[in-house]
């Protein structure tokens, strides 16, 4: 029988997809009030890996990622996803979202994303929220699974998650 041990806290990350920089600025301000200080923000990247969001958000979309200084209990991911959905709704322009806000977390071994959609590789958390292991860490680099979204497979994204992982590793080492 294995011993039950307390899980280490994890590094909260948020992925943003947006058209207008003002939407990103507003979302970050709200998130910092609710979740604490952002300690990393990636450069703004062109989001051209899918047209899935164009109908709602428009064309010429952008993407960036943020991580938060305060480490979290991974059990809080579903609650955070519900919070980000409420923020998306509050920033909506009529019936359309102005920004997509996707929370997840990373630890030393993996990157987890939250979702409202079930699928064969997703695990139910609670409150109708699911999670998937999107990337795993091996040989000093994050690596994709067969189901990993095309954008999360890109070298640009993986470099960002490697940077955030370095910040997290220093935080865990200091504990």
Protein backbone atom coordinates (compact mmCIF):
# COMPACT_ATOMS: atom_id res chain seq x y z
CA UNK A 1 0.00 0.00 0.00
CA UNK A 2 1.39 3.37 -0.97
CA UNK A 3 1.61 6.19 1.52
CA UNK A 4 -0.71 9.13 0.96
CA UNK A 5 1.33 12.33 0.80
CA UNK A 6 0.32 15.93 0.42
CA UNK A 7 0.65 17.06 -3.19
CA UNK A 8 3.01 19.93 -3.88
CA UNK A 9 1.33 23.15 -4.99
CA UNK A 10 1.38 23.78 -8.74
CA UNK A 11 1.94 26.76 -11.04
CA UNK A 12 -1.26 28.34 -12.35
CA UNK A 13 -1.12 29.33 -16.01
CA UNK A 14 -3.68 31.11 -18.14
CA UNK A 15 -3.81 31.11 -21.93
CA UNK A 16 -5.54 34.03 -23.63
CA UNK A 17 -6.89 34.25 -27.18
CA UNK A 18 -8.09 37.72 -28.16
CA UNK A 19 -8.36 40.30 -30.92
CA UNK A 20 -8.09 43.56 -28.99
CA UNK A 21 -5.26 44.29 -26.56
CA UNK A 22 -7.78 46.12 -24.32
CA UNK A 23 -9.58 42.82 -23.69
CA UNK A 24 -6.31 41.22 -22.58
CA UNK A 25 -5.49 44.17 -20.32
CA UNK A 26 -8.94 44.03 -18.65
CA UNK A 27 -8.80 40.25 -18.20
CA UNK A 28 -5.33 40.39 -16.62
CA UNK A 29 -6.43 43.11 -14.20
CA UNK A 30 -9.46 41.09 -13.08
CA UNK A 31 -7.44 37.90 -12.76
CA UNK A 32 -4.76 39.61 -10.68
CA UNK A 33 -7.44 40.87 -8.28
CA UNK A 34 -8.88 37.38 -7.94
CA UNK A 35 -5.83 35.12 -8.23
CA UNK A 36 -2.85 37.26 -7.25
CA UNK A 37 0.13 38.78 -8.98
CA UNK A 38 1.19 37.66 -12.45
CA UNK A 39 4.88 36.73 -12.42
CA UNK A 40 5.30 35.89 -16.12
CA UNK A 41 3.63 37.13 -19.29
CA UNK A 42 4.67 35.79 -22.67
CA UNK A 43 5.09 37.89 -25.77
CA UNK A 44 1.89 38.30 -27.76
CA UNK A 45 1.87 35.69 -30.54
CA UNK A 46 -0.15 35.42 -33.71
CA UNK A 47 -2.86 32.77 -33.24
CA UNK A 48 -3.17 31.02 -36.60
CA UNK A 49 -3.28 27.33 -35.68
CA UNK A 50 -7.07 26.99 -36.11
CA UNK A 51 -10.04 29.04 -37.20
CA UNK A 52 -12.18 27.58 -34.38
CA UNK A 53 -12.47 30.94 -32.55
CA UNK A 54 -12.89 33.24 -35.60
CA UNK A 55 -16.69 33.10 -35.74
CA UNK A 56 -16.94 34.41 -32.19
CA UNK A 57 -13.76 36.44 -31.68
CA UNK A 58 -13.02 37.54 -35.25
CA UNK A 59 -9.98 37.22 -37.51
CA UNK A 60 -6.35 38.18 -36.81
CA UNK A 61 -6.39 36.70 -33.32
CA UNK A 62 -3.52 36.84 -30.85
CA UNK A 63 -2.40 34.55 -28.05
CA UNK A 64 -0.37 34.96 -24.91
CA UNK A 65 0.19 33.13 -21.65
CA UNK A 66 0.56 34.26 -18.06
CA UNK A 67 1.56 32.50 -14.88
CA UNK A 68 0.85 33.53 -11.32
CA UNK A 69 3.29 33.96 -8.47
CA UNK A 70 1.09 32.28 -5.87
CA UNK A 71 1.19 28.51 -6.24
CA UNK A 72 -2.16 26.72 -6.06
CA UNK A 73 -3.64 23.45 -4.89
CA UNK A 74 -4.34 21.48 -8.10
CA UNK A 75 -7.74 20.53 -6.66
CA UNK A 76 -8.81 24.17 -7.28
CA UNK A 77 -8.55 23.94 -11.08
CA UNK A 78 -12.29 23.37 -11.66
CA UNK A 79 -13.19 26.36 -9.49
CA UNK A 80 -10.67 28.52 -11.40
CA UNK A 81 -12.13 27.40 -14.76
CA UNK A 82 -15.61 28.43 -13.58
CA UNK A 83 -14.16 31.80 -12.52
CA UNK A 84 -12.48 32.36 -15.90
CA UNK A 85 -15.73 31.49 -17.71
CA UNK A 86 -17.51 34.17 -15.65
CA UNK A 87 -14.79 36.69 -16.52
CA UNK A 88 -15.14 35.85 -20.23
CA UNK A 89 -18.88 36.46 -19.96
CA UNK A 90 -18.41 39.76 -18.11
CA UNK A 91 -16.06 41.00 -20.87
CA UNK A 92 -18.32 39.83 -23.70
CA UNK A 93 -19.52 42.22 -26.36
CA UNK A 94 -23.20 41.36 -26.68
CA UNK A 95 -23.49 37.59 -27.13
CA UNK A 96 -19.89 37.16 -28.32
CA UNK A 97 -16.81 36.75 -26.18
CA UNK A 98 -14.07 39.34 -26.55
CA UNK A 99 -11.47 36.97 -25.09
CA UNK A 100 -10.97 33.28 -24.48
CA UNK A 101 -9.38 32.53 -21.09
CA UNK A 102 -8.06 28.99 -20.57
CA UNK A 103 -6.66 28.06 -17.16
CA UNK A 104 -4.36 25.20 -16.42
CA UNK A 105 -1.33 24.41 -14.35
CA UNK A 106 2.06 22.92 -14.65
CA UNK A 107 4.28 21.04 -12.30
CA UNK A 108 7.69 19.52 -12.93
CA UNK A 109 6.21 16.61 -14.93
CA UNK A 110 3.27 17.95 -16.95
CA UNK A 111 1.01 20.71 -18.20
CA UNK A 112 -2.70 20.28 -17.42
CA UNK A 113 -5.51 22.24 -19.10
CA UNK A 114 -9.08 22.63 -17.84
CA UNK A 115 -12.06 22.26 -20.19
CA UNK A 116 -15.83 22.31 -20.16
CA UNK A 117 -15.79 19.60 -22.85
CA UNK A 118 -15.45 15.89 -22.17
CA UNK A 119 -13.51 13.61 -24.47
CA UNK A 120 -11.86 10.18 -24.33
CA UNK A 121 -8.60 11.53 -22.87
CA UNK A 122 -10.14 13.94 -20.34
CA UNK A 123 -10.84 13.29 -16.70
CA UNK A 124 -13.84 14.68 -14.85
CA UNK A 125 -12.85 16.97 -11.99
CA UNK A 126 -16.14 18.35 -10.64
CA UNK A 127 -18.82 20.95 -11.39
CA UNK A 128 -18.88 19.84 -15.06
CA UNK A 129 -15.19 20.66 -15.57
CA UNK A 130 -12.66 18.26 -17.08
CA UNK A 131 -8.87 18.19 -17.25
CA UNK A 132 -6.32 16.77 -19.65
CA UNK A 133 -2.60 16.25 -19.54
CA UNK A 134 -1.68 18.34 -22.60
CA UNK A 135 2.12 18.11 -22.41
CA UNK A 136 4.55 15.93 -20.47
CA UNK A 137 8.12 16.78 -19.47
CA UNK A 138 10.89 14.46 -20.63
CA UNK A 139 14.56 14.92 -21.55
CA UNK A 140 14.56 18.59 -20.42
CA UNK A 141 11.62 19.60 -22.60
CA UNK A 142 7.84 19.54 -22.70
CA UNK A 143 6.50 17.08 -25.25
CA UNK A 144 3.05 16.59 -26.84
CA UNK A 145 0.68 13.63 -26.77
CA UNK A 146 -1.30 12.43 -29.77
CA UNK A 147 -4.27 14.58 -28.63
CA UNK A 148 -2.31 17.76 -27.92
CA UNK A 149 -3.73 20.79 -29.75
CA UNK A 150 -1.56 21.87 -32.73
CA UNK A 151 -0.66 25.23 -31.16
CA UNK A 152 0.50 23.57 -27.93
CA UNK A 153 2.84 21.39 -30.03
CA UNK A 154 4.65 24.42 -31.44
CA UNK A 155 8.19 25.27 -30.45
CA UNK A 156 7.09 28.79 -29.44
CA UNK A 157 4.56 27.50 -26.90
CA UNK A 158 6.83 24.79 -25.57
CA UNK A 159 9.60 27.37 -25.01
CA UNK A 160 7.14 29.47 -22.99
CA UNK A 161 6.11 26.52 -20.83
CA UNK A 162 9.76 25.58 -20.29
CA UNK A 163 10.39 29.15 -19.05
CA UNK A 164 7.42 28.98 -16.67
CA UNK A 165 8.60 25.57 -15.47
CA UNK A 166 11.98 27.10 -14.57
CA UNK A 167 10.23 29.75 -12.46
CA UNK A 168 8.16 27.03 -10.79
CA UNK A 169 11.24 24.85 -10.11
CA UNK A 170 12.89 27.76 -8.28
CA UNK A 171 9.74 28.36 -6.25
CA UNK A 172 9.49 24.70 -5.22
CA UNK A 173 13.21 24.58 -4.38
CA UNK A 174 12.78 27.61 -2.09
CA UNK A 175 9.95 25.91 -0.12
